[in-house]
Each structure stands twice: as C-alpha cells, then as structure tokens.
N, C-alpha and C. Protein backbone atom coordinates (compact mmCIF):
# COMPACT_ATOMS: atom_id res chain seq x y z
N UNK A 1 -4.21 -14.17 2.42
CA UNK A 1 -4.76 -13.45 1.31
C UNK A 1 -4.27 -14.14 0.04
N UNK A 2 -5.14 -14.32 -0.93
CA UNK A 2 -4.76 -14.99 -2.16
C UNK A 2 -4.96 -14.06 -3.34
N UNK A 3 -4.16 -14.28 -4.34
CA UNK A 3 -4.24 -13.49 -5.57
C UNK A 3 -5.05 -14.27 -6.59
N UNK A 4 -5.54 -13.59 -7.60
CA UNK A 4 -6.26 -14.27 -8.67
C UNK A 4 -5.27 -14.83 -9.69
N UNK A 5 -5.74 -15.65 -10.63
CA UNK A 5 -4.81 -16.25 -11.60
C UNK A 5 -4.03 -15.23 -12.44
N UNK A 6 -4.52 -14.02 -12.58
CA UNK A 6 -3.82 -12.98 -13.34
C UNK A 6 -2.85 -12.20 -12.46
N UNK A 7 -2.77 -12.55 -11.19
CA UNK A 7 -1.89 -11.88 -10.22
C UNK A 7 -2.17 -10.38 -10.13
N UNK A 8 -3.44 -10.02 -10.13
CA UNK A 8 -3.84 -8.61 -10.07
C UNK A 8 -3.30 -7.91 -8.83
N UNK A 9 -3.42 -8.55 -7.67
CA UNK A 9 -2.92 -7.92 -6.45
C UNK A 9 -1.41 -7.76 -6.49
N UNK A 10 -0.72 -8.78 -6.92
CA UNK A 10 0.74 -8.71 -6.99
C UNK A 10 1.19 -7.60 -7.92
N UNK A 11 0.53 -7.46 -9.05
CA UNK A 11 0.87 -6.40 -10.00
C UNK A 11 0.58 -5.03 -9.40
N UNK A 12 -0.54 -4.94 -8.68
CA UNK A 12 -0.89 -3.67 -8.04
C UNK A 12 0.15 -3.30 -6.99
N UNK A 13 0.55 -4.27 -6.17
CA UNK A 13 1.56 -4.00 -5.14
C UNK A 13 2.89 -3.63 -5.77
N UNK A 14 3.25 -4.31 -6.84
CA UNK A 14 4.49 -3.98 -7.54
C UNK A 14 4.43 -2.55 -8.07
N UNK A 15 3.31 -2.20 -8.70
CA UNK A 15 3.15 -0.84 -9.24
C UNK A 15 3.23 0.18 -8.11
N UNK A 16 2.55 -0.09 -7.00
CA UNK A 16 2.55 0.86 -5.88
C UNK A 16 3.96 1.05 -5.34
N UNK A 17 4.70 -0.04 -5.18
CA UNK A 17 6.07 0.08 -4.67
C UNK A 17 6.94 0.89 -5.62
N UNK A 18 6.78 0.67 -6.91
CA UNK A 18 7.57 1.42 -7.89
C UNK A 18 7.20 2.90 -7.86
N UNK A 19 5.91 3.20 -7.74
CA UNK A 19 5.47 4.60 -7.68
C UNK A 19 6.01 5.27 -6.41
N UNK A 20 5.90 4.59 -5.27
CA UNK A 20 6.44 5.15 -4.03
C UNK A 20 7.94 5.38 -4.14
N UNK A 21 8.64 4.44 -4.74
CA UNK A 21 10.09 4.58 -4.91
C UNK A 21 10.41 5.81 -5.76
N UNK A 22 9.68 6.01 -6.84
CA UNK A 22 9.88 7.16 -7.71
C UNK A 22 9.58 8.47 -6.95
N UNK A 23 8.48 8.50 -6.21
CA UNK A 23 8.14 9.68 -5.43
C UNK A 23 9.24 9.99 -4.43
N UNK A 24 9.68 8.96 -3.72
CA UNK A 24 10.71 9.14 -2.70
C UNK A 24 12.01 9.67 -3.32
N UNK A 25 12.44 9.07 -4.42
CA UNK A 25 13.68 9.51 -5.07
C UNK A 25 13.57 10.96 -5.54
N UNK A 26 12.43 11.33 -6.11
CA UNK A 26 12.24 12.68 -6.60
C UNK A 26 12.24 13.70 -5.46
N UNK A 27 11.55 13.37 -4.38
CA UNK A 27 11.52 14.28 -3.23
C UNK A 27 12.91 14.42 -2.61
N UNK A 28 13.61 13.31 -2.46
CA UNK A 28 14.96 13.38 -1.88
C UNK A 28 15.91 14.19 -2.77
N UNK A 29 15.76 14.04 -4.08
CA UNK A 29 16.59 14.83 -5.00
C UNK A 29 16.26 16.31 -4.89
N UNK A 30 14.99 16.65 -4.78
CA UNK A 30 14.58 18.05 -4.63
C UNK A 30 15.15 18.63 -3.34
N UNK A 31 15.04 17.88 -2.26
CA UNK A 31 15.57 18.34 -0.97
C UNK A 31 17.07 18.55 -1.05
N UNK A 32 17.77 17.59 -1.64
CA UNK A 32 19.23 17.68 -1.76
C UNK A 32 19.65 18.86 -2.63
N UNK A 33 18.94 19.07 -3.74
CA UNK A 33 19.28 20.20 -4.62
C UNK A 33 19.09 21.54 -3.92
N UNK A 34 18.01 21.67 -3.15
CA UNK A 34 17.80 22.93 -2.44
C UNK A 34 18.93 23.17 -1.44
N UNK A 35 19.28 22.15 -0.69
CA UNK A 35 20.34 22.31 0.32
C UNK A 35 21.67 22.69 -0.33
N UNK A 36 21.99 22.04 -1.44
CA UNK A 36 23.23 22.39 -2.15
C UNK A 36 23.17 23.81 -2.71
N UNK A 37 22.04 24.15 -3.31
CA UNK A 37 21.87 25.49 -3.88
C UNK A 37 21.97 26.55 -2.78
N UNK A 38 21.31 26.29 -1.66
CA UNK A 38 21.31 27.25 -0.56
C UNK A 38 22.73 27.47 -0.04
N UNK A 39 23.50 26.41 0.06
CA UNK A 39 24.86 26.52 0.60
C UNK A 39 25.87 27.07 -0.42
N UNK A 40 25.74 26.67 -1.67
CA UNK A 40 26.78 26.99 -2.64
C UNK A 40 26.48 28.19 -3.54
N UNK A 41 25.22 28.37 -3.91
CA UNK A 41 24.90 29.40 -4.90
C UNK A 41 24.13 30.58 -4.36
N UNK A 42 23.24 30.34 -3.45
CA UNK A 42 22.36 31.39 -2.96
C UNK A 42 23.09 32.60 -2.40
N UNK A 43 24.15 32.42 -1.63
CA UNK A 43 24.84 33.61 -1.10
C UNK A 43 25.34 34.56 -2.20
N UNK A 44 25.69 34.01 -3.34
CA UNK A 44 26.19 34.86 -4.44
C UNK A 44 25.08 35.60 -5.17
N UNK A 45 23.84 35.21 -4.92
CA UNK A 45 22.72 35.82 -5.61
C UNK A 45 22.04 36.93 -4.82
N UNK A 46 22.57 37.24 -3.69
CA UNK A 46 21.99 38.27 -2.82
C UNK A 46 21.88 39.59 -3.57
N UNK A 47 20.65 40.07 -3.69
CA UNK A 47 20.36 41.31 -4.40
C UNK A 47 20.22 42.44 -3.37
N UNK A 48 21.04 43.47 -3.46
CA UNK A 48 20.97 44.56 -2.47
C UNK A 48 19.65 45.33 -2.51
N UNK A 49 18.89 45.21 -3.59
CA UNK A 49 17.60 45.90 -3.66
C UNK A 49 16.55 45.22 -2.78
N UNK A 50 16.80 43.99 -2.38
CA UNK A 50 15.88 43.25 -1.51
C UNK A 50 16.37 43.41 -0.07
N UNK A 51 15.46 43.81 0.80
CA UNK A 51 15.88 44.00 2.20
C UNK A 51 16.32 42.66 2.79
N UNK A 52 17.18 42.76 3.78
CA UNK A 52 17.70 41.55 4.42
C UNK A 52 16.57 40.75 5.06
N UNK A 53 15.60 41.43 5.64
CA UNK A 53 14.45 40.72 6.24
C UNK A 53 13.65 39.97 5.18
N UNK A 54 13.40 40.61 4.04
CA UNK A 54 12.67 39.94 2.95
C UNK A 54 13.47 38.75 2.41
N UNK A 55 14.77 38.94 2.29
CA UNK A 55 15.66 37.87 1.82
C UNK A 55 15.57 36.66 2.76
N UNK A 56 15.70 36.91 4.03
CA UNK A 56 15.65 35.83 5.02
C UNK A 56 14.27 35.17 5.06
N UNK A 57 13.23 35.98 4.92
CA UNK A 57 11.87 35.43 4.92
C UNK A 57 11.66 34.51 3.72
N UNK A 58 12.16 34.93 2.57
CA UNK A 58 12.04 34.10 1.37
C UNK A 58 12.76 32.77 1.53
N UNK A 59 13.95 32.82 2.08
CA UNK A 59 14.72 31.59 2.30
C UNK A 59 14.02 30.71 3.33
N UNK A 60 13.49 31.33 4.37
CA UNK A 60 12.78 30.56 5.40
C UNK A 60 11.54 29.89 4.82
N UNK A 61 10.85 30.58 3.92
CA UNK A 61 9.67 29.99 3.27
C UNK A 61 10.05 28.70 2.52
N UNK A 62 11.16 28.74 1.80
CA UNK A 62 11.61 27.55 1.07
C UNK A 62 12.05 26.48 2.06
N UNK A 63 12.77 26.87 3.10
CA UNK A 63 13.18 25.90 4.13
C UNK A 63 11.97 25.21 4.76
N UNK A 64 10.92 25.98 5.01
CA UNK A 64 9.69 25.40 5.57
C UNK A 64 9.06 24.40 4.60
N UNK A 65 9.06 24.74 3.34
CA UNK A 65 8.53 23.82 2.32
C UNK A 65 9.37 22.54 2.24
N UNK A 66 10.67 22.69 2.37
CA UNK A 66 11.57 21.53 2.36
C UNK A 66 11.27 20.63 3.56
N UNK A 67 11.00 21.21 4.71
CA UNK A 67 10.66 20.41 5.90
C UNK A 67 9.38 19.61 5.65
N UNK A 68 8.43 20.22 4.96
CA UNK A 68 7.20 19.51 4.62
C UNK A 68 7.49 18.35 3.68
N UNK A 69 8.42 18.54 2.74
CA UNK A 69 8.81 17.45 1.85
C UNK A 69 9.46 16.31 2.62
N UNK A 70 10.27 16.66 3.62
CA UNK A 70 10.91 15.63 4.43
C UNK A 70 9.88 14.80 5.19
N UNK A 71 8.81 15.44 5.64
CA UNK A 71 7.71 14.72 6.29
C UNK A 71 7.06 13.77 5.29
N UNK A 72 6.89 14.24 4.07
CA UNK A 72 6.29 13.39 3.03
C UNK A 72 7.17 12.18 2.74
N UNK A 73 8.48 12.37 2.72
CA UNK A 73 9.40 11.25 2.49
C UNK A 73 9.22 10.19 3.58
N UNK A 74 9.09 10.63 4.82
CA UNK A 74 8.87 9.69 5.92
C UNK A 74 7.55 8.95 5.74
N UNK A 75 6.52 9.68 5.36
CA UNK A 75 5.21 9.06 5.16
C UNK A 75 5.25 8.06 4.00
N UNK A 76 5.96 8.39 2.94
CA UNK A 76 6.11 7.47 1.81
C UNK A 76 6.81 6.19 2.27
N UNK A 77 7.85 6.34 3.10
CA UNK A 77 8.55 5.17 3.61
C UNK A 77 7.62 4.24 4.39
N UNK A 78 6.74 4.83 5.18
CA UNK A 78 5.77 4.03 5.95
C UNK A 78 4.81 3.32 5.00
N UNK A 79 4.36 4.02 3.98
CA UNK A 79 3.44 3.41 3.01
C UNK A 79 4.12 2.27 2.25
N UNK A 80 5.41 2.44 1.92
CA UNK A 80 6.15 1.38 1.25
C UNK A 80 6.15 0.13 2.11
N UNK A 81 6.39 0.29 3.40
CA UNK A 81 6.42 -0.86 4.30
C UNK A 81 5.05 -1.53 4.37
N UNK A 82 3.98 -0.73 4.38
CA UNK A 82 2.64 -1.30 4.40
C UNK A 82 2.38 -2.13 3.15
N UNK A 83 2.77 -1.61 2.00
CA UNK A 83 2.56 -2.34 0.75
C UNK A 83 3.42 -3.61 0.73
N UNK A 84 4.64 -3.52 1.24
CA UNK A 84 5.49 -4.71 1.31
C UNK A 84 4.85 -5.78 2.19
N UNK A 85 4.25 -5.36 3.29
CA UNK A 85 3.57 -6.31 4.17
C UNK A 85 2.37 -6.95 3.45
N UNK A 86 1.62 -6.15 2.71
CA UNK A 86 0.49 -6.71 1.95
C UNK A 86 0.99 -7.68 0.89
N UNK A 87 2.06 -7.30 0.20
CA UNK A 87 2.64 -8.16 -0.83
C UNK A 87 3.12 -9.48 -0.21
N UNK A 88 3.73 -9.39 0.96
CA UNK A 88 4.19 -10.59 1.64
C UNK A 88 3.01 -11.50 1.98
N UNK A 89 1.88 -10.91 2.32
CA UNK A 89 0.69 -11.71 2.60
C UNK A 89 0.22 -12.46 1.38
N UNK A 90 0.35 -11.84 0.22
CA UNK A 90 -0.02 -12.51 -1.03
C UNK A 90 0.97 -13.61 -1.34
N UNK A 91 2.25 -13.33 -1.15
CA UNK A 91 3.27 -14.30 -1.56
C UNK A 91 3.32 -15.52 -0.65
N UNK A 92 2.82 -15.41 0.58
CA UNK A 92 2.87 -16.56 1.48
C UNK A 92 1.55 -17.32 1.53
N UNK A 93 0.56 -16.84 0.84
CA UNK A 93 -0.73 -17.51 0.83
C UNK A 93 -0.70 -18.72 -0.10
N UNK A 94 -1.69 -19.58 0.08
CA UNK A 94 -1.85 -20.67 -0.85
C UNK A 94 -2.73 -20.18 -1.99
N UNK A 95 -2.38 -20.56 -3.19
CA UNK A 95 -3.11 -20.12 -4.37
C UNK A 95 -3.84 -21.31 -4.98
N UNK A 96 -5.01 -21.05 -5.49
CA UNK A 96 -5.71 -22.07 -6.27
C UNK A 96 -5.52 -21.68 -7.72
N UNK A 97 -4.90 -22.55 -8.47
CA UNK A 97 -4.62 -22.25 -9.88
C UNK A 97 -4.96 -23.48 -10.70
N UNK A 98 -5.93 -23.35 -11.56
CA UNK A 98 -6.31 -24.48 -12.40
C UNK A 98 -6.78 -25.68 -11.59
N UNK A 99 -7.41 -25.43 -10.46
CA UNK A 99 -7.94 -26.50 -9.65
C UNK A 99 -6.93 -27.13 -8.71
N UNK A 100 -5.66 -26.69 -8.76
CA UNK A 100 -4.67 -27.27 -7.85
C UNK A 100 -4.12 -26.19 -6.93
N UNK A 101 -3.67 -26.59 -5.78
CA UNK A 101 -3.11 -25.65 -4.82
C UNK A 101 -1.63 -25.47 -5.11
N UNK A 102 -1.18 -24.23 -5.07
CA UNK A 102 0.25 -23.95 -5.16
C UNK A 102 0.79 -23.78 -3.76
N UNK A 103 1.94 -24.31 -3.50
CA UNK A 103 2.54 -24.11 -2.18
C UNK A 103 3.02 -22.67 -2.08
N UNK A 104 3.29 -22.23 -0.87
CA UNK A 104 3.72 -20.85 -0.69
C UNK A 104 5.05 -20.60 -1.40
N UNK A 105 5.93 -21.59 -1.49
CA UNK A 105 7.20 -21.42 -2.19
C UNK A 105 6.95 -21.16 -3.67
N UNK A 106 6.05 -21.93 -4.28
CA UNK A 106 5.74 -21.71 -5.69
C UNK A 106 5.04 -20.36 -5.88
N UNK A 107 4.21 -20.00 -4.93
CA UNK A 107 3.52 -18.71 -5.01
C UNK A 107 4.52 -17.58 -4.99
N UNK A 108 5.55 -17.67 -4.13
CA UNK A 108 6.57 -16.63 -4.09
C UNK A 108 7.28 -16.50 -5.42
N UNK A 109 7.55 -17.61 -6.05
CA UNK A 109 8.20 -17.57 -7.36
C UNK A 109 7.31 -16.83 -8.35
N UNK A 110 6.02 -17.09 -8.30
CA UNK A 110 5.09 -16.40 -9.19
C UNK A 110 5.07 -14.90 -8.91
N UNK A 111 5.01 -14.55 -7.64
CA UNK A 111 4.93 -13.14 -7.27
C UNK A 111 6.20 -12.41 -7.65
N UNK A 112 7.35 -12.97 -7.32
CA UNK A 112 8.61 -12.28 -7.57
C UNK A 112 9.03 -12.32 -9.03
N UNK A 113 8.46 -13.23 -9.80
CA UNK A 113 8.84 -13.28 -11.22
C UNK A 113 8.26 -12.11 -12.00
N UNK A 114 7.24 -11.43 -11.48
CA UNK A 114 6.69 -10.29 -12.20
C UNK A 114 7.43 -9.00 -11.87
N UNK A 115 8.41 -9.05 -11.00
CA UNK A 115 9.19 -7.86 -10.68
C UNK A 115 9.97 -7.45 -11.84
C-alpha cells in the first residue's frame, strides 16, 4: 500500500491511533474511578431511606455498565492493532515521490516523522 505525497493515509492512521489512545485512557480512568469510589466512598453514602435491595440494584447497574466499558476497552485495543498494521503497510511500501522511488527505509522516516 502506498501513500500520496501529502501522506494522507499516514496522517489518518496517526490521528486514528491518537483518538483510540485517548478513548482508551478515558475509559480506563472512568473504570478505575468507579472501582475506587465503590470501595472507598460508597459505603459511607448508604442512605437508610433507600432499601437494601434498591441500593444493591443501583450498584449492580453501575457495575454492569463498567463491564460494558471494559469490553469497549478490549475492542479499542483490537482496533489500535488493526490501524498499526495498516500503518505498517504504508511505511514498508515503496513510494513514488517526484518521479523517484523511495526505499522502504526512507518511507519509514517520512511516516514516523509526522508523529
């Protein structure tokens, strides 16, 4: 796979990897904050006006949502690997630039210099 002279594919892959990284970090932080809050603060917030069953159901609802976020983190990791593989395909290809061929080593320098 080859990129154009403006490195559109390389820039797109770079952007996608950065976006996935941001999503992953944000989800992991959310998961970590809930777990810390649940362990350290939540027990002190128990309101006697709320039945124990309702209290447990509410906590379970959040736990279920956290499990869904963990699945999303796994899926994001897989997508990151896919984009890395696509980026590697661009960086190892031969490029035509100004009528001359760039070797794969020079192409890698071009691709990684936009990071």
